PDB file of N, CA and C in Angstrom:
ATOM      1  N   MET A   1      36.202  76.080  -1.320  1.00  0.00           N
ATOM      2  CA  MET A   1      36.321  75.993  -2.767  1.00  0.00           C
ATOM      3  C   MET A   1      37.370  74.935  -3.091  1.00  0.00           C
ATOM      4  N   SER A   2      37.018  73.969  -3.880  1.00  0.00           N
ATOM      5  CA  SER A   2      37.967  72.923  -4.229  1.00  0.00           C
ATOM      6  C   SER A   2      38.884  73.386  -5.346  1.00  0.00           C
ATOM      7  N   GLU A   3      40.085  72.851  -5.321  1.00  0.00           N
ATOM      8  CA  GLU A   3      41.051  73.214  -6.352  1.00  0.00           C
ATOM      9  C   GLU A   3      41.085  72.102  -7.394  1.00  0.00           C
ATOM     10  N   THR A   4      40.836  72.450  -8.618  1.00  0.00           N
ATOM     11  CA  THR A   4      40.867  71.485  -9.714  1.00  0.00           C
ATOM     12  C   THR A   4      41.786  72.031 -10.790  1.00  0.00           C
ATOM     13  N   ASN A   5      43.006  72.343 -10.397  1.00  0.00           N
ATOM     14  CA  ASN A   5      43.923  73.020 -11.309  1.00  0.00           C
ATOM     15  C   ASN A   5      45.268  72.324 -11.325  1.00  0.00           C
ATOM     16  N   SER A   6      46.029  72.578 -12.369  1.00  0.00           N
ATOM     17  CA  SER A   6      47.327  71.940 -12.497  1.00  0.00           C
ATOM     18  C   SER A   6      48.412  72.626 -11.690  1.00  0.00           C
ATOM     19  N   ILE A   7      48.210  73.848 -11.263  1.00  0.00           N
ATOM     20  CA  ILE A   7      49.200  74.554 -10.461  1.00  0.00           C
ATOM     21  C   ILE A   7      48.732  74.512  -9.012  1.00  0.00           C
ATOM     22  N   PRO A   8      49.463  73.810  -8.138  1.00  0.00           N
ATOM     23  CA  PRO A   8      49.029  73.697  -6.751  1.00  0.00           C
ATOM     24  C   PRO A   8      48.844  75.064  -6.106  1.00  0.00           C
ATOM     25  N   GLY A   9      47.779  75.204  -5.347  1.00  0.00           N
ATOM     26  CA  GLY A   9      47.538  76.439  -4.613  1.00  0.00           C
ATOM     27  C   GLY A   9      46.922  77.550  -5.428  1.00  0.00           C
ATOM     28  N   GLU A  10      46.775  77.362  -6.729  1.00  0.00           N
ATOM     29  CA  GLU A  10      46.187  78.423  -7.544  1.00  0.00           C
ATOM     30  C   GLU A  10      44.796  78.004  -8.001  1.00  0.00           C
ATOM     31  N   VAL A  11      43.804  78.723  -7.536  1.00  0.00           N
ATOM     32  CA  VAL A  11      42.432  78.458  -7.940  1.00  0.00           C
ATOM     33  C   VAL A  11      42.160  79.211  -9.232  1.00  0.00           C
ATOM     34  N   ARG A  12      41.655  78.509 -10.216  1.00  0.00           N
ATOM     35  CA  ARG A  12      41.324  79.106 -11.509  1.00  0.00           C
ATOM     36  C   ARG A  12      39.819  79.011 -11.695  1.00  0.00           C
ATOM     37  N   LEU A  13      39.213  80.141 -12.002  1.00  0.00           N
ATOM     38  CA  LEU A  13      37.785  80.182 -12.259  1.00  0.00           C
ATOM     39  C   LEU A  13      37.530  80.584 -13.700  1.00  0.00           C
ATOM     40  N   VAL A  14      36.493  80.030 -14.286  1.00  0.00           N
ATOM     41  CA  VAL A  14      36.082  80.415 -15.626  1.00  0.00           C
ATOM     42  C   VAL A  14      34.616  80.852 -15.570  1.00  0.00           C
ATOM     43  N   PHE A  15      34.357  82.004 -16.152  1.00  0.00           N
ATOM     44  CA  PHE A  15      33.020  82.570 -16.249  1.00  0.00           C
ATOM     45  C   PHE A  15      32.700  82.679 -17.724  1.00  0.00           C
ATOM     46  N   ALA A  16      31.491  82.300 -18.117  1.00  0.00           N
ATOM     47  CA  ALA A  16      31.150  82.312 -19.532  1.00  0.00           C
ATOM     48  C   ALA A  16      29.879  83.092 -19.811  1.00  0.00           C
ATOM     49  N   CYS A  17      29.912  83.744 -20.946  1.00  0.00           N
ATOM     50  CA  CYS A  17      28.697  84.267 -21.549  1.00  0.00           C
ATOM     51  C   CYS A  17      27.827  83.048 -21.830  1.00  0.00           C
ATOM     52  N   SER A  18      26.571  83.165 -21.593  1.00  0.00           N
ATOM     53  CA  SER A  18      25.639  82.100 -21.971  1.00  0.00           C
ATOM     54  C   SER A  18      24.527  82.715 -22.796  1.00  0.00           C
ATOM     55  N   GLY A  19      24.915  83.635 -23.656  1.00  0.00           N
ATOM     56  CA  GLY A  19      23.969  84.402 -24.458  1.00  0.00           C
ATOM     57  C   GLY A  19      23.045  83.542 -25.290  1.00  0.00           C
ATOM     58  N   ALA A  20      22.013  84.159 -25.806  1.00  0.00           N
ATOM     59  CA  ALA A  20      20.964  83.450 -26.524  1.00  0.00           C
ATOM     60  C   ALA A  20      21.378  83.025 -27.927  1.00  0.00           C
ATOM     61  N   VAL A  21      22.479  83.526 -28.429  1.00  0.00           N
ATOM     62  CA  VAL A  21      22.897  83.213 -29.793  1.00  0.00           C
ATOM     63  C   VAL A  21      23.960  82.109 -29.767  1.00  0.00           C
ATOM     64  N   ASP A  22      24.283  81.559 -30.912  1.00  0.00           N
ATOM     65  CA  ASP A  22      25.190  80.426 -31.040  1.00  0.00           C
ATOM     66  C   ASP A  22      26.536  80.612 -30.346  1.00  0.00           C
ATOM     67  N   VAL A  23      27.187  81.744 -30.518  1.00  0.00           N
ATOM     68  CA  VAL A  23      28.516  81.931 -29.919  1.00  0.00           C
ATOM     69  C   VAL A  23      28.450  82.005 -28.392  1.00  0.00           C
ATOM     70  N   GLY A  24      27.327  82.432 -27.845  1.00  0.00           N
ATOM     71  CA  GLY A  24      27.136  82.404 -26.394  1.00  0.00           C
ATOM     72  C   GLY A  24      27.031  80.980 -25.883  1.00  0.00           C
ATOM     73  N   GLU A  25      26.328  80.147 -26.621  1.00  0.00           N
ATOM     74  CA  GLU A  25      26.229  78.739 -26.230  1.00  0.00           C
ATOM     75  C   GLU A  25      27.583  78.043 -26.350  1.00  0.00           C
ATOM     76  N   ILE A  26      28.338  78.380 -27.374  1.00  0.00           N
ATOM     77  CA  ILE A  26      29.678  77.800 -27.533  1.00  0.00           C
ATOM     78  C   ILE A  26      30.564  78.214 -26.366  1.00  0.00           C
ATOM     79  N   ALA A  27      30.495  79.481 -25.960  1.00  0.00           N
ATOM     80  CA  ALA A  27      31.273  79.955 -24.805  1.00  0.00           C
ATOM     81  C   ALA A  27      30.907  79.166 -23.553  1.00  0.00           C
ATOM     82  N   ASP A  28      29.624  78.988 -23.330  1.00  0.00           N
ATOM     83  CA  ASP A  28      29.148  78.256 -22.162  1.00  0.00           C
ATOM     84  C   ASP A  28      29.625  76.801 -22.188  1.00  0.00           C
ATOM     85  N   ARG A  29      29.468  76.159 -23.308  1.00  0.00           N
ATOM     86  CA  ARG A  29      29.876  74.748 -23.409  1.00  0.00           C
ATOM     87  C   ARG A  29      31.389  74.585 -23.289  1.00  0.00           C
ATOM     88  N   ALA A  30      32.153  75.539 -23.806  1.00  0.00           N
ATOM     89  CA  ALA A  30      33.620  75.475 -23.668  1.00  0.00           C
ATOM     90  C   ALA A  30      34.006  75.599 -22.193  1.00  0.00           C
ATOM     91  N   ALA A  31      33.355  76.496 -21.469  1.00  0.00           N
ATOM     92  CA  ALA A  31      33.638  76.649 -20.031  1.00  0.00           C
ATOM     93  C   ALA A  31      33.289  75.368 -19.282  1.00  0.00           C
ATOM     94  N   ARG A  32      32.186  74.756 -19.631  1.00  0.00           N
ATOM     95  CA  ARG A  32      31.800  73.493 -18.989  1.00  0.00           C
ATOM     96  C   ARG A  32      32.805  72.386 -19.283  1.00  0.00           C
ATOM     97  N   MET A  33      33.375  72.403 -20.484  1.00  0.00           N
ATOM     98  CA  MET A  33      34.398  71.419 -20.834  1.00  0.00           C
ATOM     99  C   MET A  33      35.646  71.621 -19.974  1.00  0.00           C
ATOM    100  N   LEU A  34      36.076  72.875 -19.810  1.00  0.00           N
ATOM    101  CA  LEU A  34      37.232  73.157 -18.955  1.00  0.00           C
ATOM    102  C   LEU A  34      36.966  72.705 -17.526  1.00  0.00           C
ATOM    103  N   ASN A  35      35.749  72.904 -17.056  1.00  0.00           N
ATOM    104  CA  ASN A  35      35.372  72.487 -15.709  1.00  0.00           C
ATOM    105  C   ASN A  35      35.455  70.966 -15.576  1.00  0.00           C
ATOM    106  N   ARG A  36      34.885  70.239 -16.537  1.00  0.00           N
ATOM    107  CA  ARG A  36      34.916  68.769 -16.497  1.00  0.00           C
ATOM    108  C   ARG A  36      36.343  68.236 -16.517  1.00  0.00           C
ATOM    109  N   GLU A  37      37.205  68.893 -17.279  1.00  0.00           N
ATOM    110  CA  GLU A  37      38.600  68.449 -17.402  1.00  0.00           C
ATOM    111  C   GLU A  37      39.443  68.805 -16.180  1.00  0.00           C
ATOM    112  N   GLY A  38      38.952  69.735 -15.363  1.00  0.00           N
ATOM    113  CA  GLY A  38      39.728  70.176 -14.219  1.00  0.00           C
ATOM    114  C   GLY A  38      40.697  71.299 -14.525  1.00  0.00           C
ATOM    115  N   ALA A  39      40.608  71.891 -15.720  1.00  0.00           N
ATOM    116  CA  ALA A  39      41.494  73.003 -16.085  1.00  0.00           C
ATOM    117  C   ALA A  39      41.130  74.275 -15.331  1.00  0.00           C
ATOM    118  N   ALA A  40      39.868  74.425 -15.011  1.00  0.00           N
ATOM    119  CA  ALA A  40      39.370  75.577 -14.258  1.00  0.00           C
ATOM    120  C   ALA A  40      38.005  75.201 -13.703  1.00  0.00           C
ATOM    121  N   ARG A  41      37.601  75.907 -12.685  1.00  0.00           N
ATOM    122  CA  ARG A  41      36.287  75.670 -12.101  1.00  0.00           C
ATOM    123  C   ARG A  41      35.308  76.689 -12.683  1.00  0.00           C
ATOM    124  N   MET A  42      34.265  76.191 -13.325  1.00  0.00           N
ATOM    125  CA  MET A  42      33.247  77.100 -13.849  1.00  0.00           C
ATOM    126  C   MET A  42      32.485  77.682 -12.671  1.00  0.00           C
ATOM    127  N   TYR A  43      32.267  78.986 -12.734  1.00  0.00           N
ATOM    128  CA  TYR A  43      31.615  79.671 -11.634  1.00  0.00           C
ATOM    129  C   TYR A  43      30.466  80.507 -12.179  1.00  0.00           C
ATOM    130  N   CYS A  44      29.531  80.859 -11.333  1.00  0.00           N
ATOM    131  CA  CYS A  44      28.290  81.510 -11.741  1.00  0.00           C
ATOM    132  C   CYS A  44      28.459  83.018 -11.959  1.00  0.00           C
ATOM    133  N   LEU A  45      28.359  83.434 -13.212  1.00  0.00           N
ATOM    134  CA  LEU A  45      28.443  84.850 -13.548  1.00  0.00           C
ATOM    135  C   LEU A  45      27.265  85.622 -12.954  1.00  0.00           C
ATOM    136  N   GLY A  46      26.109  84.974 -12.849  1.00  0.00           N
ATOM    137  CA  GLY A  46      24.941  85.615 -12.255  1.00  0.00           C
ATOM    138  C   GLY A  46      25.181  86.012 -10.809  1.00  0.00           C
ATOM    139  N   GLY A  47      25.901  85.200 -10.065  1.00  0.00           N
ATOM    140  CA  GLY A  47      26.227  85.520  -8.677  1.00  0.00           C
ATOM    141  C   GLY A  47      27.106  86.749  -8.562  1.00  0.00           C
ATOM    142  N   ILE A  48      27.988  86.923  -9.534  1.00  0.00           N
ATOM    143  CA  ILE A  48      28.844  88.110  -9.571  1.00  0.00           C
ATOM    144  C   ILE A  48      27.995  89.335  -9.918  1.00  0.00           C
ATOM    145  N   GLY A  49      27.175  89.198 -10.956  1.00  0.00           N
ATOM    146  CA  GLY A  49      26.321  90.306 -11.379  1.00  0.00           C
ATOM    147  C   GLY A  49      25.337  90.736 -10.306  1.00  0.00           C
ATOM    148  N   ALA A  50      24.900  89.780  -9.486  1.00  0.00           N
ATOM    149  CA  ALA A  50      23.968  90.074  -8.400  1.00  0.00           C
ATOM    150  C   ALA A  50      24.696  90.569  -7.140  1.00  0.00           C
ATOM    151  N   HIS A  51      26.023  90.627  -7.212  1.00  0.00           N
ATOM    152  CA  HIS A  51      26.855  91.083  -6.092  1.00  0.00           C
ATOM    153  C   HIS A  51      26.639  90.254  -4.836  1.00  0.00           C
ATOM    154  N   LEU A  52      26.521  88.933  -5.012  1.00  0.00           N
ATOM    155  CA  LEU A  52      26.380  88.042  -3.870  1.00  0.00           C
ATOM    156  C   LEU A  52      27.719  87.957  -3.145  1.00  0.00           C
ATOM    157  N   ASP A  53      27.691  88.215  -1.855  1.00  0.00           N
ATOM    158  CA  ASP A  53      28.927  88.279  -1.072  1.00  0.00           C
ATOM    159  C   ASP A  53      29.788  87.025  -1.205  1.00  0.00           C
ATOM    160  N   GLU A  54      29.176  85.846  -1.111  1.00  0.00           N
ATOM    161  CA  GLU A  54      29.947  84.601  -1.184  1.00  0.00           C
ATOM    162  C   GLU A  54      30.589  84.424  -2.557  1.00  0.00           C
ATOM    163  N   SER A  55      29.854  84.727  -3.610  1.00  0.00           N
ATOM    164  CA  SER A  55      30.403  84.607  -4.968  1.00  0.00           C
ATOM    165  C   SER A  55      31.564  85.563  -5.175  1.00  0.00           C
ATOM    166  N   LEU A  56      31.397  86.792  -4.734  1.00  0.00           N
ATOM    167  CA  LEU A  56      32.467  87.785  -4.874  1.00  0.00           C
ATOM    168  C   LEU A  56      33.693  87.389  -4.066  1.00  0.00           C
ATOM    169  N   ALA A  57      33.485  86.900  -2.856  1.00  0.00           N
ATOM    170  CA  ALA A  57      34.615  86.497  -2.010  1.00  0.00           C
ATOM    171  C   ALA A  57      35.387  85.343  -2.654  1.00  0.00           C
ATOM    172  N   ASP A  58      34.661  84.362  -3.170  1.00  0.00           N
ATOM    173  CA  ASP A  58      35.329  83.240  -3.831  1.00  0.00           C
ATOM    174  C   ASP A  58      36.113  83.711  -5.051  1.00  0.00           C
ATOM    175  N   ALA A  59      35.513  84.587  -5.849  1.00  0.00           N
ATOM    176  CA  ALA A  59      36.190  85.077  -7.052  1.00  0.00           C
ATOM    177  C   ALA A  59      37.428  85.883  -6.703  1.00  0.00           C
ATOM    178  N   ARG A  60      37.379  86.633  -5.629  1.00  0.00           N
ATOM    179  CA  ARG A  60      38.552  87.429  -5.217  1.00  0.00           C
ATOM    180  C   ARG A  60      39.705  86.552  -4.763  1.00  0.00           C
ATOM    181  N   LYS A  61      39.411  85.335  -4.324  1.00  0.00           N
ATOM    182  CA  LYS A  61      40.449  84.400  -3.888  1.00  0.00           C
ATOM    183  C   LYS A  61      41.129  83.701  -5.070  1.00  0.00           C
ATOM    184  N   ALA A  62      40.519  83.771  -6.231  1.00  0.00           N
ATOM    185  CA  ALA A  62      41.040  83.047  -7.393  1.00  0.00           C
ATOM    186  C   ALA A  62      42.388  83.608  -7.828  1.00  0.00           C
ATOM    187  N   GLY A  63      43.290  82.725  -8.190  1.00  0.00           N
ATOM    188  CA  GLY A  63      44.582  83.151  -8.719  1.00  0.00           C
ATOM    189  C   GLY A  63      44.458  83.646 -10.142  1.00  0.00           C
ATOM    190  N   ARG A  64      43.558  83.034 -10.889  1.00  0.00           N
ATOM    191  CA  ARG A  64      43.321  83.417 -12.279  1.00  0.00           C
ATOM    192  C   ARG A  64      41.834  83.300 -12.574  1.00  0.00           C
ATOM    193  N   ILE A  65      41.366  84.227 -13.367  1.00  0.00           N
ATOM    194  CA  ILE A  65      39.976  84.218 -13.816  1.00  0.00           C
ATOM    195  C   ILE A  65      39.990  84.330 -15.331  1.00  0.00           C
ATOM    196  N   LEU A  66      39.186  83.492 -15.966  1.00  0.00           N
ATOM    197  CA  LEU A  66      39.015  83.581 -17.407  1.00  0.00           C
ATOM    198  C   LEU A  66      37.557  83.920 -17.701  1.00  0.00           C
ATOM    199  N   ALA A  67      37.360  84.977 -18.471  1.00  0.00           N
ATOM    200  CA  ALA A  67      36.036  85.338 -18.973  1.00  0.00           C
ATOM    201  C   ALA A  67      35.982  84.912 -20.435  1.00  0.00           C
ATOM    202  N   ILE A  68      35.001  84.088 -20.773  1.00  0.00           N
ATOM    203  CA  ILE A  68      34.801  83.684 -22.161  1.00  0.00           C
ATOM    204  C   ILE A  68      33.531  84.364 -22.645  1.00  0.00           C
ATOM    205  N   ASP A  69      33.698  85.274 -23.588  1.00  0.00           N
ATOM    206  CA  ASP A  69      32.558  85.973 -24.166  1.00  0.00           C
ATOM    207  C   ASP A  69      32.281  85.423 -25.555  1.00  0.00           C
ATOM    208  N   GLY A  70      31.010  85.466 -25.934  1.00  0.00           N
ATOM    209  CA  GLY A  70      30.635  85.010 -27.261  1.00  0.00           C
ATOM    210  C   GLY A  70      30.885  86.049 -28.333  1.00  0.00           C
ATOM    211  N   CYS A  71      30.607  87.316 -28.019  1.00  0.00           N
ATOM    212  CA  CYS A  71      30.662  88.364 -29.045  1.00  0.00           C
ATOM    213  C   CYS A  71      31.337  89.623 -28.497  1.00  0.00           C
ATOM    214  N   PRO A  72      31.518  90.625 -29.334  1.00  0.00           N
ATOM    215  CA  PRO A  72      32.221  91.847 -28.929  1.00  0.00           C
ATOM    216  C   PRO A  72      31.524  92.693 -27.858  1.00  0.00           C
ATOM    217  N   GLN A  73      30.331  92.325 -27.453  1.00  0.00           N
ATOM    218  CA  GLN A  73      29.711  93.080 -26.364  1.00  0.00           C
ATOM    219  C   GLN A  73      30.406  92.809 -25.031  1.00  0.00           C
ATOM    220  N   ASP A  74      31.112  91.687 -24.934  1.00  0.00           N
ATOM    221  CA  ASP A  74      31.953  91.353 -23.774  1.00  0.00           C
ATOM    222  C   ASP A  74      31.214  91.443 -22.439  1.00  0.00           C
ATOM    223  N   CYS A  75      30.016  90.913 -22.381  1.00  0.00           N
ATOM    224  CA  CYS A  75      29.208  90.989 -21.164  1.00  0.00           C
ATOM    225  C   CYS A  75      29.877  90.318 -19.963  1.00  0.00           C
ATOM    226  N   ALA A  76      30.478  89.143 -20.171  1.00  0.00           N
ATOM    227  CA  ALA A  76      31.115  88.437 -19.052  1.00  0.00           C
ATOM    228  C   ALA A  76      32.277  89.256 -18.489  1.00  0.00           C
ATOM    229  N   ARG A  77      33.157  89.717 -19.374  1.00  0.00           N
ATOM    230  CA  ARG A  77      34.312  90.507 -18.918  1.00  0.00           C
ATOM    231  C   ARG A  77      33.859  91.766 -18.196  1.00  0.00           C
ATOM    232  N   LYS A  78      32.907  92.469 -18.768  1.00  0.00           N
ATOM    233  CA  LYS A  78      32.427  93.718 -18.159  1.00  0.00           C
ATOM    234  C   LYS A  78      31.785  93.483 -16.805  1.00  0.00           C
ATOM    235  N   CYS A  79      31.053  92.402 -16.672  1.00  0.00           N
ATOM    236  CA  CYS A  79      30.427  92.065 -15.393  1.00  0.00           C
ATOM    237  C   CYS A  79      31.489  91.847 -14.317  1.00  0.00           C
ATOM    238  N   LEU A  80      32.529  91.118 -14.663  1.00  0.00           N
ATOM    239  CA  LEU A  80      33.621  90.845 -13.719  1.00  0.00           C
ATOM    240  C   LEU A  80      34.372  92.130 -13.356  1.00  0.00           C
ATOM    241  N   GLU A  81      34.653  92.943 -14.350  1.00  0.00           N
ATOM    242  CA  GLU A  81      35.366  94.205 -14.096  1.00  0.00           C
ATOM    243  C   GLU A  81      34.524  95.149 -13.232  1.00  0.00           C
ATOM    244  N   GLN A  82      33.235  95.232 -13.512  1.00  0.00           N
ATOM    245  CA  GLN A  82      32.368  96.114 -12.729  1.00  0.00           C
ATOM    246  C   GLN A  82      32.247  95.656 -11.279  1.00  0.00           C
ATOM    247  N   ALA A  83      32.502  94.370 -11.039  1.00  0.00           N
ATOM    248  CA  ALA A  83      32.493  93.852  -9.673  1.00  0.00           C
ATOM    249  C   ALA A  83      33.833  94.099  -8.978  1.00  0.00           C
ATOM    250  N   GLY A  84      34.788  94.682  -9.709  1.00  0.00           N
ATOM    251  CA  GLY A  84      36.083  95.009  -9.121  1.00  0.00           C
ATOM    252  C   GLY A  84      37.062  93.853  -9.081  1.00  0.00           C
ATOM    253  N   LEU A  85      36.835  92.832  -9.881  1.00  0.00           N
ATOM    254  CA  LEU A  85      37.728  91.676  -9.867  1.00  0.00           C
ATOM    255  C   LEU A  85      38.971  91.939 -10.709  1.00  0.00           C
ATOM    256  N   ALA A  86      40.058  91.313 -10.304  1.00  0.00           N
ATOM    257  CA  ALA A  86      41.340  91.470 -10.990  1.00  0.00           C
ATOM    258  C   ALA A  86      41.777  90.106 -11.527  1.00  0.00           C
ATOM    259  N   ASN A  87      42.956  90.054 -12.118  1.00  0.00           N
ATOM    260  CA  ASN A  87      43.526  88.818 -12.673  1.00  0.00           C
ATOM    261  C   ASN A  87      42.616  88.196 -13.726  1.00  0.00           C
ATOM    262  N   ILE A  88      41.939  89.023 -14.503  1.00  0.00           N
ATOM    263  CA  ILE A  88      41.006  88.520 -15.512  1.00  0.00           C
ATOM    264  C   ILE A  88      41.725  88.360 -16.847  1.00  0.00           C
ATOM    265  N   ARG A  89      41.649  87.165 -17.379  1.00  0.00           N
ATOM    266  CA  ARG A  89      42.059  86.915 -18.747  1.00  0.00           C
ATOM    267  C   ARG A  89      40.770  86.858 -19.552  1.00  0.00           C
ATOM    268  N   HIS A  90      40.858  87.184 -20.824  1.00  0.00           N
ATOM    269  CA  HIS A  90      39.637  87.299 -21.609  1.00  0.00           C
ATOM    270  C   HIS A  90      39.795  86.609 -22.953  1.00  0.00           C
ATOM    271  N   MET A  91      38.726  85.958 -23.372  1.00  0.00           N
ATOM    272  CA  MET A  91      38.683  85.323 -24.679  1.00  0.00           C
ATOM    273  C   MET A  91      37.313  85.585 -25.284  1.00  0.00           C
ATOM    274  N   ARG A  92      37.310  85.909 -26.558  1.00  0.00           N
ATOM    275  CA  ARG A  92      36.060  86.182 -27.274  1.00  0.00           C
ATOM    276  C   ARG A  92      35.930  85.180 -28.418  1.00  0.00           C
ATOM    277  N   ILE A  93      34.822  84.463 -28.446  1.00  0.00           N
ATOM    278  CA  ILE A  93      34.589  83.433 -29.463  1.00  0.00           C
ATOM    279  C   ILE A  93      34.665  84.007 -30.875  1.00  0.00           C
ATOM    280  N   THR A  94      34.101  85.184 -31.094  1.00  0.00           N
ATOM    281  CA  THR A  94      34.088  85.757 -32.445  1.00  0.00           C
ATOM    282  C   THR A  94      35.464  86.197 -32.929  1.00  0.00           C
ATOM    283  N   ASP A  95      36.460  86.185 -32.061  1.00  0.00           N
ATOM    284  CA  ASP A  95      37.829  86.489 -32.480  1.00  0.00           C
ATOM    285  C   ASP A  95      38.531  85.263 -33.067  1.00  0.00           C
ATOM    286  N   HIS A  96      37.822  84.151 -33.111  1.00  0.00           N
ATOM    287  CA  HIS A  96      38.424  82.879 -33.547  1.00  0.00           C
ATOM    288  C   HIS A  96      37.644  82.255 -34.697  1.00  0.00           C
ATOM    289  N   GLN A  97      37.431  83.010 -35.742  1.00  0.00           N
ATOM    290  CA  GLN A  97      36.765  82.558 -36.964  1.00  0.00           C
ATOM    291  C   GLN A  97      35.384  81.959 -36.725  1.00  0.00           C
ATOM    292  N   MET A  98      34.686  82.452 -35.727  1.00  0.00           N
ATOM    293  CA  MET A  98      33.306  82.042 -35.488  1.00  0.00           C
ATOM    294  C   MET A  98      32.453  83.300 -35.512  1.00  0.00           C
ATOM    295  N   GLU A  99      31.449  83.298 -36.381  1.00  0.00           N
ATOM    296  CA  GLU A  99      30.634  84.490 -36.580  1.00  0.00           C
ATOM    297  C   GLU A  99      29.297  84.364 -35.848  1.00  0.00           C
ATOM    298  N   LYS A 100      28.950  85.431 -35.150  1.00  0.00           N
ATOM    299  CA  LYS A 100      27.693  85.468 -34.398  1.00  0.00           C
ATOM    300  C   LYS A 100      26.517  85.232 -35.335  1.00  0.00           C
ATOM    301  N   GLY A 101      25.668  84.278 -34.973  1.00  0.00           N
ATOM    302  CA  GLY A 101      24.486  83.975 -35.749  1.00  0.00           C
ATOM    303  C   GLY A 101      24.714  83.055 -36.926  1.00  0.00           C
ATOM    304  N   LYS A 102      25.967  82.653 -37.138  1.00  0.00           N
ATOM    305  CA  LYS A 102      26.287  81.824 -38.306  1.00  0.00           C
ATOM    306  C   LYS A 102      27.210  80.658 -37.977  1.00  0.00           C
ATOM    307  N   THR A 103      27.357  80.339 -36.701  1.00  0.00           N
ATOM    308  CA  THR A 103      28.292  79.289 -36.303  1.00  0.00           C
ATOM    309  C   THR A 103      27.537  78.140 -35.636  1.00  0.00           C
ATOM    310  N   PRO A 104      27.584  76.961 -36.222  1.00  0.00           N
ATOM    311  CA  PRO A 104      26.891  75.828 -35.615  1.00  0.00           C
ATOM    312  C   PRO A 104      27.476  75.491 -34.242  1.00  0.00           C
ATOM    313  N   VAL A 105      26.608  75.149 -33.315  1.00  0.00           N
ATOM    314  CA  VAL A 105      27.055  74.690 -32.001  1.00  0.00           C
ATOM    315  C   VAL A 105      27.343  73.199 -32.152  1.00  0.00           C
ATOM    316  N   SER A 106      28.577  72.905 -32.513  1.00  0.00           N
ATOM    317  CA  SER A 106      28.985  71.524 -32.784  1.00  0.00           C
ATOM    318  C   SER A 106      30.100  71.120 -31.821  1.00  0.00           C
ATOM    319  N   VAL A 107      30.318  69.828 -31.719  1.00  0.00           N
ATOM    320  CA  VAL A 107      31.413  69.316 -30.886  1.00  0.00           C
ATOM    321  C   VAL A 107      32.731  69.922 -31.353  1.00  0.00           C
ATOM    322  N   HIS A 108      32.918  70.009 -32.662  1.00  0.00           N
ATOM    323  CA  HIS A 108      34.152  70.574 -33.207  1.00  0.00           C
ATOM    324  C   HIS A 108      34.349  72.023 -32.741  1.00  0.00           C
ATOM    325  N   ASN A 109      33.323  72.864 -32.891  1.00  0.00           N
ATOM    326  CA  ASN A 109      33.454  74.278 -32.520  1.00  0.00           C
ATOM    327  C   ASN A 109      33.613  74.467 -31.023  1.00  0.00           C
ATOM    328  N   VAL A 110      32.927  73.671 -30.225  1.00  0.00           N
ATOM    329  CA  VAL A 110      33.079  73.762 -28.771  1.00  0.00           C
ATOM    330  C   VAL A 110      34.491  73.329 -28.372  1.00  0.00           C
ATOM    331  N   SER A 111      34.996  72.259 -28.970  1.00  0.00           N
ATOM    332  CA  SER A 111      36.357  71.797 -28.670  1.00  0.00           C
ATOM    333  C   SER A 111      37.404  72.829 -29.077  1.00  0.00           C
ATOM    334  N   LEU A 112      37.211  73.439 -30.239  1.00  0.00           N
ATOM    335  CA  LEU A 112      38.116  74.493 -30.689  1.00  0.00           C
ATOM    336  C   LEU A 112      38.110  75.661 -29.702  1.00  0.00           C
ATOM    337  N   ALA A 113      36.936  76.072 -29.271  1.00  0.00           N
ATOM    338  CA  ALA A 113      36.824  77.167 -28.306  1.00  0.00           C
ATOM    339  C   ALA A 113      37.473  76.783 -26.974  1.00  0.00           C
ATOM    340  N   ALA A 114      37.274  75.566 -26.526  1.00  0.00           N
ATOM    341  CA  ALA A 114      37.882  75.121 -25.272  1.00  0.00           C
ATOM    342  C   ALA A 114      39.406  75.111 -25.377  1.00  0.00           C
ATOM    343  N   ASP A 115      39.942  74.676 -26.522  1.00  0.00           N
ATOM    344  CA  ASP A 115      41.394  74.704 -26.721  1.00  0.00           C
ATOM    345  C   ASP A 115      41.931  76.128 -26.622  1.00  0.00           C
ATOM    346  N   ARG A 116      41.265  77.059 -27.268  1.00  0.00           N
ATOM    347  CA  ARG A 116      41.691  78.460 -27.225  1.00  0.00           C
ATOM    348  C   ARG A 116      41.547  79.017 -25.805  1.00  0.00           C
ATOM    349  N   ALA A 117      40.512  78.605 -25.114  1.00  0.00           N
ATOM    350  CA  ALA A 117      40.302  79.069 -23.736  1.00  0.00           C
ATOM    351  C   ALA A 117      41.406  78.557 -22.810  1.00  0.00           C
ATOM    352  N   ARG A 118      41.825  77.315 -23.008  1.00  0.00           N
ATOM    353  CA  ARG A 118      42.933  76.766 -22.203  1.00  0.00           C
ATOM    354  C   ARG A 118      44.187  77.624 -22.381  1.00  0.00           C
ATOM    355  N   HIS A 119      44.478  77.997 -23.625  1.00  0.00           N
ATOM    356  CA  HIS A 119      45.644  78.847 -23.892  1.00  0.00           C
ATOM    357  C   HIS A 119      45.480  80.229 -23.246  1.00  0.00           C
ATOM    358  N   ALA A 120      44.298  80.783 -23.324  1.00  0.00           N
ATOM    359  CA  ALA A 120      44.050  82.100 -22.712  1.00  0.00           C
ATOM    360  C   ALA A 120      44.210  82.021 -21.194  1.00  0.00           C
ATOM    361  N   LEU A 121      43.773  80.938 -20.608  1.00  0.00           N
ATOM    362  CA  LEU A 121      43.879  80.754 -19.166  1.00  0.00           C
ATOM    363  C   LEU A 121      45.325  80.662 -18.720  1.00  0.00           C
ATOM    364  N   LEU A 122      46.158  80.070 -19.543  1.00  0.00           N
ATOM    365  CA  LEU A 122      47.557  79.879 -19.177  1.00  0.00           C
ATOM    366  C   LEU A 122      48.453  81.049 -19.563  1.00  0.00           C
ATOM    367  N   ALA A 123      47.934  81.940 -20.416  1.00  0.00           N
ATOM    368  CA  ALA A 123      48.735  83.085 -20.858  1.00  0.00           C
ATOM    369  C   ALA A 123      49.129  83.947 -19.666  1.00  0.00           C
ATOM    370  N   LEU A 124      50.268  84.548 -19.789  1.00  0.00           N
ATOM    371  CA  LEU A 124      50.781  85.410 -18.739  1.00  0.00           C
ATOM    372  C   LEU A 124      49.689  86.217 -18.137  1.00  0.00           C
TER     373      LEU A 124
END
């Protein structure tokens, strides 16, 4: 697993809701932005949900994990918790003035979500 993080030796993973509604797409695009920037490595939530040994092993090695959910159902966070993962930070798009089903998937909204996700990733 390559390290693309600002803190040497600490692997940061980001898992995103990729739900069918607008806030799920914003969560997914924000995670991809963090991955491109090197703030965290986007990782496959499906691999965790499927209990794939390699995915679980990699996630357990992570120093920090960020789950970005689109809505209050918190599917990403719950999937990670049910897999027994720790060090999970959580961010929900709808907690940041974005309403499910009423928020355009725009560069502005994705950038705003990515900014909030960066702060959540760095929070204690």
